[in-house]
C-alpha atoms as a PDB file:
ATOM      1  CA  UNK A   1     -28.896  -2.553  14.707  1.00  0.00           C
ATOM      2  CA  UNK A   2     -30.108  -6.111  14.979  1.00  0.00           C
ATOM      3  CA  UNK A   3     -27.687  -9.027  14.953  1.00  0.00           C
ATOM      4  CA  UNK A   4     -28.229 -12.481  13.439  1.00  0.00           C
ATOM      5  CA  UNK A   5     -30.034 -13.725  16.572  1.00  0.00           C
ATOM      6  CA  UNK A   6     -32.591 -10.881  16.528  1.00  0.00           C
ATOM      7  CA  UNK A   7     -31.012  -9.037  19.470  1.00  0.00           C
ATOM      8  CA  UNK A   8     -30.589  -5.272  19.238  1.00  0.00           C
ATOM      9  CA  UNK A   9     -26.901  -4.297  19.299  1.00  0.00           C
ATOM     10  CA  UNK A  10     -25.531  -0.768  19.421  1.00  0.00           C
ATOM     11  CA  UNK A  11     -22.262  -0.312  17.558  1.00  0.00           C
ATOM     12  CA  UNK A  12     -20.418   2.817  18.652  1.00  0.00           C
ATOM     13  CA  UNK A  13     -18.566   4.701  15.918  1.00  0.00           C
ATOM     14  CA  UNK A  14     -15.612   6.298  17.716  1.00  0.00           C
ATOM     15  CA  UNK A  15     -14.230   3.117  19.314  1.00  0.00           C
ATOM     16  CA  UNK A  16     -14.586   1.352  15.949  1.00  0.00           C
ATOM     17  CA  UNK A  17     -12.758   4.195  14.181  1.00  0.00           C
ATOM     18  CA  UNK A  18      -9.957   4.128  16.785  1.00  0.00           C
ATOM     19  CA  UNK A  19      -9.571   0.365  16.357  1.00  0.00           C
ATOM     20  CA  UNK A  20      -9.557   0.817  12.581  1.00  0.00           C
ATOM     21  CA  UNK A  21      -6.805   3.443  12.856  1.00  0.00           C
ATOM     22  CA  UNK A  22      -4.727   0.774  14.582  1.00  0.00           C
ATOM     23  CA  UNK A  23      -5.568  -1.620  11.688  1.00  0.00           C
ATOM     24  CA  UNK A  24      -7.468  -3.879  14.086  1.00  0.00           C
ATOM     25  CA  UNK A  25     -10.936  -5.391  13.863  1.00  0.00           C
ATOM     26  CA  UNK A  26     -13.597  -2.737  14.570  1.00  0.00           C
ATOM     27  CA  UNK A  27     -15.593  -5.240  16.639  1.00  0.00           C
ATOM     28  CA  UNK A  28     -13.063  -6.763  19.035  1.00  0.00           C
ATOM     29  CA  UNK A  29      -9.916  -4.694  18.474  1.00  0.00           C
ATOM     30  CA  UNK A  30      -7.721  -7.809  18.613  1.00  0.00           C
ATOM     31  CA  UNK A  31      -7.684  -9.340  15.139  1.00  0.00           C
ATOM     32  CA  UNK A  32      -5.841  -7.762  12.225  1.00  0.00           C
ATOM     33  CA  UNK A  33      -7.951  -5.923   9.663  1.00  0.00           C
ATOM     34  CA  UNK A  34      -5.588  -6.487   6.742  1.00  0.00           C
ATOM     35  CA  UNK A  35      -3.960  -9.634   5.389  1.00  0.00           C
ATOM     36  CA  UNK A  36      -1.235  -7.746   3.518  1.00  0.00           C
ATOM     37  CA  UNK A  37      -0.598  -4.019   3.136  1.00  0.00           C
ATOM     38  CA  UNK A  38      -4.169  -3.121   2.094  1.00  0.00           C
ATOM     39  CA  UNK A  39      -5.799  -6.493   1.438  1.00  0.00           C
ATOM     40  CA  UNK A  40      -8.814  -6.699   3.703  1.00  0.00           C
ATOM     41  CA  UNK A  41      -9.543  -9.928   5.569  1.00  0.00           C
ATOM     42  CA  UNK A  42     -12.863 -11.669   4.966  1.00  0.00           C
ATOM     43  CA  UNK A  43     -13.481 -12.396   8.662  1.00  0.00           C
ATOM     44  CA  UNK A  44     -11.745 -11.407  11.874  1.00  0.00           C
ATOM     45  CA  UNK A  45      -9.465 -14.194  13.067  1.00  0.00           C
ATOM     46  CA  UNK A  46     -10.345 -13.538  16.739  1.00  0.00           C
ATOM     47  CA  UNK A  47     -14.094 -12.805  16.848  1.00  0.00           C
ATOM     48  CA  UNK A  48     -15.153 -14.147  13.418  1.00  0.00           C
ATOM     49  CA  UNK A  49     -16.877 -10.850  12.504  1.00  0.00           C
ATOM     50  CA  UNK A  50     -17.632 -10.732   8.745  1.00  0.00           C
ATOM     51  CA  UNK A  51     -15.754  -7.777   7.220  1.00  0.00           C
ATOM     52  CA  UNK A  52     -15.666  -8.679   3.526  1.00  0.00           C
ATOM     53  CA  UNK A  53     -18.696  -6.705   2.406  1.00  0.00           C
ATOM     54  CA  UNK A  54     -17.390  -3.340   3.670  1.00  0.00           C
ATOM     55  CA  UNK A  55     -15.698  -1.706   0.703  1.00  0.00           C
ATOM     56  CA  UNK A  56     -14.292   1.814   1.044  1.00  0.00           C
ATOM     57  CA  UNK A  57     -14.163   2.303  -2.730  1.00  0.00           C
ATOM     58  CA  UNK A  58     -13.302   5.803  -3.898  1.00  0.00           C
ATOM     59  CA  UNK A  59     -13.788   7.379  -0.483  1.00  0.00           C
ATOM     60  CA  UNK A  60     -10.308   6.233   0.612  1.00  0.00           C
ATOM     61  CA  UNK A  61      -8.391   8.226  -2.041  1.00  0.00           C
ATOM     62  CA  UNK A  62     -10.553  11.266  -1.302  1.00  0.00           C
ATOM     63  CA  UNK A  63      -9.669  11.145   2.396  1.00  0.00           C
ATOM     64  CA  UNK A  64      -5.964  10.435   1.817  1.00  0.00           C
ATOM     65  CA  UNK A  65      -5.566  13.162  -0.812  1.00  0.00           C
ATOM     66  CA  UNK A  66      -7.371  15.676   1.381  1.00  0.00           C
ATOM     67  CA  UNK A  67      -5.117  14.937   4.357  1.00  0.00           C
ATOM     68  CA  UNK A  68      -1.929  14.982   2.268  1.00  0.00           C
ATOM     69  CA  UNK A  69      -2.836  18.245   0.540  1.00  0.00           C
ATOM     70  CA  UNK A  70      -3.505  19.939   3.875  1.00  0.00           C
ATOM     71  CA  UNK A  71      -0.157  18.765   5.276  1.00  0.00           C
ATOM     72  CA  UNK A  72       1.760  19.807   2.164  1.00  0.00           C
ATOM     73  CA  UNK A  73       0.013  23.190   2.083  1.00  0.00           C
ATOM     74  CA  UNK A  74       0.969  23.743   5.731  1.00  0.00           C
ATOM     75  CA  UNK A  75       4.610  22.842   5.022  1.00  0.00           C
ATOM     76  CA  UNK A  76       4.716  25.104   1.966  1.00  0.00           C
ATOM     77  CA  UNK A  77       3.145  27.971   3.919  1.00  0.00           C
ATOM     78  CA  UNK A  78       5.659  27.569   6.741  1.00  0.00           C
ATOM     79  CA  UNK A  79       8.563  27.530   4.277  1.00  0.00           C
ATOM     80  CA  UNK A  80       7.303  30.678   2.576  1.00  0.00           C
ATOM     81  CA  UNK A  81       6.584  32.569   5.788  1.00  0.00           C
ATOM     82  CA  UNK A  82      10.002  31.754   7.238  1.00  0.00           C
ATOM     83  CA  UNK A  83      11.793  32.888   4.084  1.00  0.00           C
ATOM     84  CA  UNK A  84      13.084  29.432   3.131  1.00  0.00           C
ATOM     85  CA  UNK A  85      10.892  28.946   0.083  1.00  0.00           C
ATOM     86  CA  UNK A  86      12.994  28.080  -2.941  1.00  0.00           C
ATOM     87  CA  UNK A  87      12.187  25.816  -5.871  1.00  0.00           C
ATOM     88  CA  UNK A  88      15.083  23.501  -5.052  1.00  0.00           C
ATOM     89  CA  UNK A  89      13.943  23.101  -1.444  1.00  0.00           C
ATOM     90  CA  UNK A  90      10.428  22.318  -2.659  1.00  0.00           C
ATOM     91  CA  UNK A  91      11.842  19.717  -5.012  1.00  0.00           C
ATOM     92  CA  UNK A  92      13.980  18.029  -2.349  1.00  0.00           C
ATOM     93  CA  UNK A  93      11.470  18.208   0.516  1.00  0.00           C
ATOM     94  CA  UNK A  94       7.966  18.200  -0.857  1.00  0.00           C
ATOM     95  CA  UNK A  95       8.262  15.652  -3.658  1.00  0.00           C
ATOM     96  CA  UNK A  96       9.481  12.814  -1.377  1.00  0.00           C
ATOM     97  CA  UNK A  97       6.993  13.915   1.276  1.00  0.00           C
ATOM     98  CA  UNK A  98       4.142  13.809  -1.231  1.00  0.00           C
ATOM     99  CA  UNK A  99       5.112  10.245  -2.165  1.00  0.00           C
ATOM    100  CA  UNK A 100       5.847   8.791   1.287  1.00  0.00           C
ATOM    101  CA  UNK A 101       3.020  10.414   3.230  1.00  0.00           C
ATOM    102  CA  UNK A 102       0.122   8.758   1.335  1.00  0.00           C
ATOM    103  CA  UNK A 103       1.859   5.377   1.518  1.00  0.00           C
ATOM    104  CA  UNK A 104       2.255   5.813   5.272  1.00  0.00           C
ATOM    105  CA  UNK A 105      -1.348   6.804   6.020  1.00  0.00           C
ATOM    106  CA  UNK A 106      -3.215   4.500   3.602  1.00  0.00           C
ATOM    107  CA  UNK A 107      -3.697   1.471   5.932  1.00  0.00           C
ATOM    108  CA  UNK A 108      -4.778   3.549   8.933  1.00  0.00           C
ATOM    109  CA  UNK A 109      -7.118   5.642   6.805  1.00  0.00           C
ATOM    110  CA  UNK A 110      -8.702   2.562   5.275  1.00  0.00           C
ATOM    111  CA  UNK A 111      -9.056   1.014   8.724  1.00  0.00           C
ATOM    112  CA  UNK A 112     -10.743   4.121  10.115  1.00  0.00           C
ATOM    113  CA  UNK A 113     -13.190   4.269   7.204  1.00  0.00           C
ATOM    114  CA  UNK A 114     -13.920   0.539   7.571  1.00  0.00           C
ATOM    115  CA  UNK A 115     -14.531   1.061  11.287  1.00  0.00           C
ATOM    116  CA  UNK A 116     -17.002   3.846  10.547  1.00  0.00           C
ATOM    117  CA  UNK A 117     -18.752   1.765   7.887  1.00  0.00           C
ATOM    118  CA  UNK A 118     -18.936  -1.221  10.245  1.00  0.00           C
ATOM    119  CA  UNK A 119     -20.361   0.882  13.090  1.00  0.00           C
ATOM    120  CA  UNK A 120     -22.994   2.534  10.906  1.00  0.00           C
ATOM    121  CA  UNK A 121     -23.807  -0.598   8.926  1.00  0.00           C
ATOM    122  CA  UNK A 122     -22.960   1.076   5.623  1.00  0.00           C
ATOM    123  CA  UNK A 123     -22.108  -1.098   2.641  1.00  0.00           C
ATOM    124  CA  UNK A 124     -21.930  -0.522  -1.079  1.00  0.00           C
ATOM    125  CA  UNK A 125     -23.623  -3.860  -1.762  1.00  0.00           C
ATOM    126  CA  UNK A 126     -27.361  -4.309  -2.102  1.00  0.00           C
ATOM    127  CA  UNK A 127     -29.144  -6.322   0.571  1.00  0.00           C
ATOM    128  CA  UNK A 128     -29.885  -9.673  -1.000  1.00  0.00           C
END
């Protein structure tokens, strides 16, 4: 990738994803990635990296739903294999889990996807 000064810069994906999982700037790892719960900042407060044009769009719900479904399927399988599977237990355990788990992993998931998009230079906007 080439920066604004014409110098070639290599952005590594895995460190950017790890920083995004921590909800930190994928460039410096010091500035916060979100202003509120999921509201993305326009620029990093520490390194001034522009982050506004990276939009995860519909990929975020796909990732979150996939992770949540795998966790819930594992829990249901464990309950069934151990002989504890009853409709009432599913109601009391899995319904709250299926509500709280996506809320808990949304910011980290969005941060990881933003880190990947930043490292690869992917954007849903046209180059203008």
